[in-house]
Structures are given as structure tokens and as C-alpha cells.
N, C-alpha and C. Protein backbone atom coordinates (compact mmCIF):
# COMPACT_ATOMS: atom_id res chain seq x y z
N MET A 1 -2.06 -15.31 -17.09
CA MET A 1 -1.68 -13.84 -16.88
C MET A 1 -0.28 -13.88 -16.21
N SER A 2 -0.07 -14.73 -15.15
CA SER A 2 0.90 -14.62 -14.16
C SER A 2 2.24 -14.73 -14.74
N GLY A 3 2.28 -15.37 -16.07
CA GLY A 3 3.81 -15.48 -16.90
C GLY A 3 4.34 -14.38 -17.11
N GLU A 4 3.44 -13.38 -17.89
CA GLU A 4 4.16 -12.02 -18.12
C GLU A 4 4.45 -11.09 -16.97
N LYS A 5 3.49 -11.25 -16.07
CA LYS A 5 3.96 -10.18 -14.76
C LYS A 5 4.49 -10.90 -13.55
N ASP A 6 4.68 -11.90 -13.56
CA ASP A 6 5.43 -12.59 -12.40
C ASP A 6 7.00 -12.66 -12.27
N GLY A 7 7.33 -11.73 -13.19
CA GLY A 7 9.12 -12.01 -13.10
C GLY A 7 9.23 -11.19 -11.74
N ILE A 8 10.76 -11.59 -11.54
CA ILE A 8 11.18 -11.25 -9.99
C ILE A 8 11.44 -9.63 -10.16
N ASP A 9 11.64 -9.12 -11.20
CA ASP A 9 11.98 -7.56 -11.22
C ASP A 9 10.91 -6.93 -11.53
N ASN A 10 9.81 -7.04 -10.47
CA ASN A 10 8.50 -6.19 -10.62
C ASN A 10 8.47 -5.18 -9.59
N PRO A 11 8.56 -3.89 -10.31
CA PRO A 11 8.65 -2.84 -9.43
C PRO A 11 7.57 -2.63 -8.29
N VAL A 12 6.38 -2.87 -9.00
CA VAL A 12 5.14 -2.43 -8.04
C VAL A 12 5.01 -3.49 -6.77
N ARG A 13 5.64 -4.97 -7.29
CA ARG A 13 5.60 -5.82 -6.33
C ARG A 13 6.49 -5.57 -5.12
N GLU A 14 7.86 -5.15 -5.67
CA GLU A 14 8.85 -4.86 -4.58
C GLU A 14 8.55 -3.70 -3.80
N LYS A 15 7.99 -2.50 -4.40
CA LYS A 15 7.68 -1.38 -3.71
C LYS A 15 6.55 -1.40 -2.63
N SER A 16 5.36 -2.25 -2.98
CA SER A 16 4.30 -2.71 -2.21
C SER A 16 4.65 -3.51 -1.11
N PHE A 17 5.95 -4.23 -1.21
CA PHE A 17 6.32 -5.20 -0.34
C PHE A 17 7.01 -4.27 0.73
N ALA A 18 8.08 -3.56 0.23
CA ALA A 18 8.84 -2.55 1.06
C ALA A 18 8.03 -1.64 1.87
N PHE A 19 6.92 -1.10 1.32
CA PHE A 19 6.06 -0.21 2.01
C PHE A 19 5.35 -0.95 3.14
N ALA A 20 4.98 -2.17 2.82
CA ALA A 20 4.23 -2.90 3.87
C ALA A 20 5.13 -3.02 4.87
N ILE A 21 6.41 -3.49 4.73
CA ILE A 21 7.35 -3.68 5.91
C ILE A 21 7.50 -2.28 6.71
N ARG A 22 7.47 -1.31 5.92
CA ARG A 22 7.59 0.13 6.65
C ARG A 22 6.13 0.18 7.72
N VAL A 23 5.23 0.09 7.22
CA VAL A 23 3.75 0.09 7.71
C VAL A 23 3.68 -1.00 8.81
N VAL A 24 4.34 -2.17 8.98
CA VAL A 24 4.32 -3.03 9.91
C VAL A 24 5.35 -2.16 11.13
N GLY A 25 6.41 -1.57 10.72
CA GLY A 25 7.37 -0.96 11.68
C GLY A 25 6.45 0.17 12.47
N LEU A 26 6.03 0.85 11.43
CA LEU A 26 5.03 2.05 12.01
C LEU A 26 4.05 1.60 12.99
N TYR A 27 3.18 0.58 12.74
CA TYR A 27 2.41 -0.04 13.47
C TYR A 27 3.09 -0.52 14.83
N LYS A 28 4.06 -1.21 14.81
CA LYS A 28 4.69 -1.37 16.32
C LYS A 28 4.96 -0.24 17.07
N TYR A 29 5.43 0.64 16.34
CA TYR A 29 6.12 1.77 17.04
C TYR A 29 4.80 2.52 17.56
N LEU A 30 3.66 2.67 16.78
CA LEU A 30 2.27 3.24 17.57
C LEU A 30 1.63 2.45 18.59
N VAL A 31 2.03 1.11 18.56
CA VAL A 31 1.41 0.23 19.66
C VAL A 31 2.24 0.31 20.92
N ASN A 32 3.56 0.26 20.63
CA ASN A 32 4.45 0.17 21.85
C ASN A 32 4.75 1.54 22.43
N GLU A 33 5.00 2.56 21.48
CA GLU A 33 5.34 3.71 22.21
C GLU A 33 4.44 4.61 22.34
N LYS A 34 3.40 4.91 21.54
CA LYS A 34 2.39 5.85 21.46
C LYS A 34 1.18 5.14 22.10
N LYS A 35 0.84 3.77 22.31
CA LYS A 35 -0.09 3.13 22.80
C LYS A 35 -1.22 3.41 22.18
N GLU A 36 -1.31 3.66 20.87
CA GLU A 36 -2.22 4.06 20.14
C GLU A 36 -2.69 2.56 19.41
N PHE A 37 -3.98 2.06 19.50
CA PHE A 37 -4.44 0.90 19.20
C PHE A 37 -5.33 0.79 17.92
N VAL A 38 -6.22 1.70 17.82
CA VAL A 38 -7.20 1.94 16.91
C VAL A 38 -7.11 2.38 15.53
N LEU A 39 -6.35 3.57 15.42
CA LEU A 39 -6.01 4.10 14.12
C LEU A 39 -5.04 3.09 13.31
N SER A 40 -3.92 2.82 14.34
CA SER A 40 -2.75 2.13 13.92
C SER A 40 -3.22 0.69 13.35
N LYS A 41 -4.19 0.14 13.70
CA LYS A 41 -4.65 -1.20 13.37
C LYS A 41 -5.37 -0.92 11.73
N GLN A 42 -5.82 0.27 11.79
CA GLN A 42 -6.67 0.34 10.40
C GLN A 42 -5.44 0.80 9.21
N LEU A 43 -4.35 1.54 9.76
CA LEU A 43 -3.23 1.60 8.89
C LEU A 43 -2.50 0.02 8.46
N LEU A 44 -2.42 -0.45 9.46
CA LEU A 44 -1.81 -1.93 9.37
C LEU A 44 -2.65 -2.69 8.30
N LYS A 45 -3.86 -2.66 8.37
CA LYS A 45 -4.79 -3.39 7.49
C LYS A 45 -4.81 -2.99 6.14
N SER A 46 -4.91 -1.60 6.02
CA SER A 46 -5.11 -1.17 4.47
C SER A 46 -3.21 -1.09 3.98
N GLY A 47 -2.45 -0.81 4.69
CA GLY A 47 -1.00 -0.50 4.21
C GLY A 47 -0.55 -1.78 3.81
N THR A 48 -0.92 -3.06 4.32
CA THR A 48 -0.34 -4.30 4.32
C THR A 48 -1.24 -4.92 3.12
N SER A 49 -2.43 -4.64 2.92
CA SER A 49 -3.31 -5.07 1.86
C SER A 49 -2.93 -4.61 0.43
N ILE A 50 -2.27 -3.58 0.35
CA ILE A 50 -1.82 -3.05 -1.01
C ILE A 50 -0.96 -4.09 -1.59
N GLY A 51 0.11 -4.75 -1.06
CA GLY A 51 0.95 -5.71 -1.50
C GLY A 51 0.13 -6.91 -1.61
N ALA A 52 -0.46 -7.12 -0.95
CA ALA A 52 -1.57 -8.42 -1.02
C ALA A 52 -2.25 -8.69 -1.95
N ASN A 53 -2.68 -7.58 -2.55
CA ASN A 53 -3.66 -7.32 -3.81
C ASN A 53 -2.98 -7.13 -4.87
N VAL A 54 -1.75 -6.66 -4.81
CA VAL A 54 -0.62 -6.56 -5.93
C VAL A 54 -0.29 -8.33 -6.29
N GLU A 55 -0.09 -9.02 -5.29
CA GLU A 55 0.34 -10.26 -5.39
C GLU A 55 -0.56 -11.01 -5.99
N GLU A 56 -1.89 -10.96 -5.57
CA GLU A 56 -3.17 -11.64 -5.96
C GLU A 56 -3.15 -11.29 -7.28
N GLY A 57 -3.35 -10.06 -7.74
CA GLY A 57 -3.29 -9.58 -9.32
C GLY A 57 -2.18 -10.07 -10.18
N ILE A 58 -1.07 -10.20 -9.72
CA ILE A 58 0.03 -10.96 -10.54
C ILE A 58 -0.50 -12.40 -10.67
N GLY A 59 -1.10 -12.77 -9.87
CA GLY A 59 -1.36 -14.41 -10.07
C GLY A 59 -2.77 -14.61 -10.66
N GLY A 60 -3.45 -13.36 -11.19
CA GLY A 60 -4.78 -13.61 -11.80
C GLY A 60 -4.76 -14.49 -12.99
N ILE A 61 -5.95 -14.99 -13.18
CA ILE A 61 -6.12 -15.73 -14.22
C ILE A 61 -6.44 -15.05 -15.69
N SER A 62 -7.04 -13.82 -15.54
CA SER A 62 -7.24 -12.98 -16.72
C SER A 62 -6.90 -11.70 -16.47
N ARG A 63 -6.89 -10.71 -17.49
CA ARG A 63 -6.90 -9.39 -17.50
C ARG A 63 -7.58 -8.69 -16.62
N LYS A 64 -8.85 -9.13 -16.73
CA LYS A 64 -10.07 -8.43 -16.02
C LYS A 64 -9.57 -8.70 -14.32
N ASP A 65 -9.17 -10.02 -14.05
CA ASP A 65 -8.99 -10.38 -12.66
C ASP A 65 -7.65 -9.52 -12.25
N PHE A 66 -6.91 -9.33 -13.00
CA PHE A 66 -5.46 -8.61 -12.57
C PHE A 66 -6.06 -7.28 -12.38
N ARG A 67 -6.76 -6.66 -13.51
CA ARG A 67 -7.33 -5.29 -12.96
C ARG A 67 -7.97 -5.05 -11.73
N ALA A 68 -8.92 -5.93 -11.47
CA ALA A 68 -9.79 -5.83 -10.35
C ALA A 68 -9.13 -6.00 -9.08
N LYS A 69 -7.95 -6.71 -9.09
CA LYS A 69 -7.01 -6.78 -7.97
C LYS A 69 -6.31 -5.49 -7.54
N LEU A 70 -5.65 -5.28 -8.77
CA LEU A 70 -4.84 -3.72 -8.64
C LEU A 70 -5.94 -2.59 -8.63
N SER A 71 -6.82 -2.88 -8.72
CA SER A 71 -7.94 -1.47 -8.48
C SER A 71 -7.89 -1.56 -6.78
N ILE A 72 -8.14 -2.56 -6.44
CA ILE A 72 -8.54 -2.86 -4.90
C ILE A 72 -6.91 -2.21 -4.32
N ALA A 73 -5.92 -2.74 -4.54
CA ALA A 73 -4.93 -2.21 -4.07
C ALA A 73 -4.54 -0.96 -4.31
N TYR A 74 -5.02 -0.01 -5.49
CA TYR A 74 -5.11 1.51 -5.52
C TYR A 74 -6.06 1.83 -4.43
N LYS A 75 -6.97 1.61 -4.19
CA LYS A 75 -8.10 1.98 -3.17
C LYS A 75 -7.47 1.67 -1.78
N GLU A 76 -6.91 0.52 -1.56
CA GLU A 76 -6.15 0.48 -0.11
C GLU A 76 -5.06 1.39 0.06
N ALA A 77 -4.41 1.83 -0.90
CA ALA A 77 -3.33 2.95 -0.90
C ALA A 77 -3.96 4.27 -0.68
N ARG A 78 -5.12 4.49 -1.28
CA ARG A 78 -5.78 5.58 -0.80
C ARG A 78 -6.12 5.53 0.64
N GLU A 79 -6.67 4.66 1.00
CA GLU A 79 -7.14 4.70 2.63
C GLU A 79 -5.76 4.93 3.47
N THR A 80 -4.78 4.01 2.84
CA THR A 80 -3.40 4.16 3.84
C THR A 80 -3.25 5.72 3.84
N LYS A 81 -3.14 6.21 2.93
CA LYS A 81 -2.86 7.87 2.62
C LYS A 81 -3.63 8.64 3.73
N TYR A 82 -5.19 8.04 3.71
CA TYR A 82 -5.86 8.82 4.65
C TYR A 82 -5.41 8.69 6.28
N TRP A 83 -5.06 7.25 6.42
CA TRP A 83 -4.87 7.14 8.02
C TRP A 83 -3.41 7.60 8.29
N LEU A 84 -2.52 7.70 7.30
CA LEU A 84 -1.29 8.30 7.59
C LEU A 84 -1.44 10.04 7.96
N LYS A 85 -2.39 10.39 7.11
CA LYS A 85 -2.85 12.01 7.32
C LYS A 85 -3.29 12.07 8.67
N LEU A 86 -4.31 11.29 9.02
CA LEU A 86 -4.82 11.30 10.38
C LEU A 86 -4.00 11.25 11.62
N LEU A 87 -3.10 10.36 11.30
CA LEU A 87 -2.07 9.95 12.46
C LEU A 87 -1.12 11.29 12.64
N HIS A 88 -0.85 11.78 11.57
CA HIS A 88 0.05 13.00 11.72
C HIS A 88 -0.62 14.07 12.13
N ALA A 89 -1.97 14.33 11.69
CA ALA A 89 -2.84 15.35 12.27
C ALA A 89 -3.08 15.38 13.60
N THR A 90 -3.19 14.26 14.10
CA THR A 90 -3.34 14.13 15.56
C THR A 90 -2.14 13.73 16.43
N ASP A 91 -0.84 14.23 15.96
CA ASP A 91 0.22 13.95 16.54
C ASP A 91 0.83 12.88 17.11
N TYR A 92 0.37 11.85 16.33
CA TYR A 92 0.95 10.35 16.55
C TYR A 92 2.21 10.04 15.69
N ILE A 93 2.40 10.58 14.68
CA ILE A 93 3.71 10.55 13.99
C ILE A 93 4.02 12.20 13.45
N ASP A 94 5.34 12.13 13.78
CA ASP A 94 5.97 13.54 13.42
C ASP A 94 6.20 13.71 11.91
N GLU A 95 6.56 15.06 11.68
CA GLU A 95 6.73 15.39 10.13
C GLU A 95 7.62 14.67 9.36
N LYS A 96 8.83 14.56 10.10
CA LYS A 96 10.03 13.32 9.34
C LYS A 96 9.23 12.14 8.83
N ALA A 97 8.68 11.49 9.77
CA ALA A 97 8.07 10.01 9.45
C ALA A 97 6.97 10.00 8.43
N PHE A 98 6.00 11.05 8.86
CA PHE A 98 5.05 11.35 7.85
C PHE A 98 5.47 11.74 6.36
N ASP A 99 6.17 12.51 6.27
CA ASP A 99 6.81 12.86 4.86
C ASP A 99 7.33 11.66 4.30
N SER A 100 8.03 10.96 4.97
CA SER A 100 8.93 9.63 4.33
C SER A 100 7.59 8.89 3.87
N MET A 101 6.87 8.30 4.58
CA MET A 101 5.51 7.45 4.52
C MET A 101 4.73 7.77 3.29
N ILE A 102 4.32 9.05 3.45
CA ILE A 102 3.35 9.47 2.51
C ILE A 102 3.97 9.68 1.08
N GLU A 103 5.21 10.22 0.92
CA GLU A 103 6.03 10.03 -0.26
C GLU A 103 5.88 8.54 -1.04
N ASP A 104 6.22 7.55 -0.15
CA ASP A 104 6.13 6.49 -0.61
C ASP A 104 4.90 5.86 -0.97
N CYS A 105 3.78 6.38 -0.18
CA CYS A 105 2.39 5.81 -0.52
C CYS A 105 2.02 6.59 -1.99
N GLU A 106 2.06 8.02 -2.01
CA GLU A 106 1.95 8.71 -3.49
C GLU A 106 2.68 7.84 -4.48
N GLU A 107 3.66 7.60 -4.46
CA GLU A 107 4.49 6.73 -5.33
C GLU A 107 3.88 5.53 -5.84
N LEU A 108 3.42 4.74 -4.71
CA LEU A 108 2.61 3.52 -4.93
C LEU A 108 1.35 3.97 -5.87
N LEU A 109 0.64 4.93 -5.12
CA LEU A 109 -0.60 5.48 -6.07
C LEU A 109 -0.57 5.84 -7.27
N LYS A 110 0.69 6.44 -7.63
CA LYS A 110 1.09 6.80 -9.12
C LYS A 110 1.06 5.78 -10.06
N ILE A 111 1.90 4.61 -9.31
CA ILE A 111 2.31 3.39 -10.19
C ILE A 111 1.06 2.73 -10.60
N LEU A 112 0.24 2.55 -9.25
CA LEU A 112 -0.98 1.66 -9.44
C LEU A 112 -1.96 2.27 -10.26
N TYR A 113 -2.00 3.55 -10.44
CA TYR A 113 -3.07 4.17 -11.11
C TYR A 113 -2.74 3.88 -12.39
N VAL A 114 -1.55 4.03 -13.06
CA VAL A 114 -1.17 3.88 -14.48
C VAL A 114 -1.35 2.63 -14.84
N ILE A 115 -1.15 1.59 -14.13
CA ILE A 115 -1.50 0.14 -14.40
C ILE A 115 -2.64 -0.17 -14.27
N VAL A 116 -3.55 0.20 -13.56
CA VAL A 116 -5.13 0.06 -13.54
C VAL A 116 -5.77 0.61 -15.03
N LYS A 117 -5.24 1.84 -15.13
CA LYS A 117 -5.60 2.71 -16.38
C LYS A 117 -5.16 1.87 -17.71
N LYS A 118 -3.77 1.35 -17.88
CA LYS A 118 -3.63 0.32 -18.85
C LYS A 118 -3.92 -0.79 -19.04
N ALA A 119 -4.34 -1.30 -17.90
CA ALA A 119 -4.92 -2.69 -18.02
C ALA A 119 -6.57 -2.70 -18.38
N GLY A 120 -7.13 -1.58 -18.36
CA GLY A 120 -8.36 -1.04 -18.61
C GLY A 120 -8.52 -0.91 -20.20
N GLU A 121 -7.33 -0.68 -20.92
CA GLU A 121 -7.37 -0.21 -22.34
C GLU A 121 -7.66 -1.45 -23.24
């Protein structure tokens, strides 16, 4: 499976990696500036897991394996959305940061949903 999906120009791979970098940056801010250690750790785990599962899926040995890993990536993106909303609602991140991060997360969710649906056909 990796041959057809392992190209360098892979939008979901690129977007999930870029999102993970943003999540790491937000995590550092939350820990260093806001002294928040619990919610931020949850965000770090789920937000970086999206790209890790995409990468595993790309390297999958079958269509079923690919779909399973991208389904996990989708679920991790949903979880990340939850943590972002909670951090915003509890005033750990401001409106501007929240809007930017949630927009990227929503974009990943849409892409992953389409991929998982098509892989299941």
C-alpha cells in the first residue's frame, strides 16, 4: 500500500505534521506561561498522534490496515478538538489562538473523514 500513498506531496501527511508542530508549540506555551500541566498533556498526546497514525497508515500493508490507522487518526483529531475547546472555555487559550488551532483541526477532520470513507468502499 505504501507505494501509492507514500509520495512526498501528500496533503494529509503534510497537514497533520504541521498541525503536530503547532500542538507542540501550544503545549510549551501552556506549560511554561500558563503553568497548566494536565490538559496540555492530553492535547499533546492526541494532537501529535494524528500525524503518527497517518504515517503508520501510509506504511500499511493492506487497505484494511490503512483504513484502520486513518480511522484512529480521525478519532485522535476529534479528541484534540475537545481538548482545544476545553482549554479555550477555561481561559487557557485566547480566542485568536483557539480560532486558528480549531480551524486547522477541523480541516484535518474533514480530510480524514473523506479518506476513511473512501478507503472503506
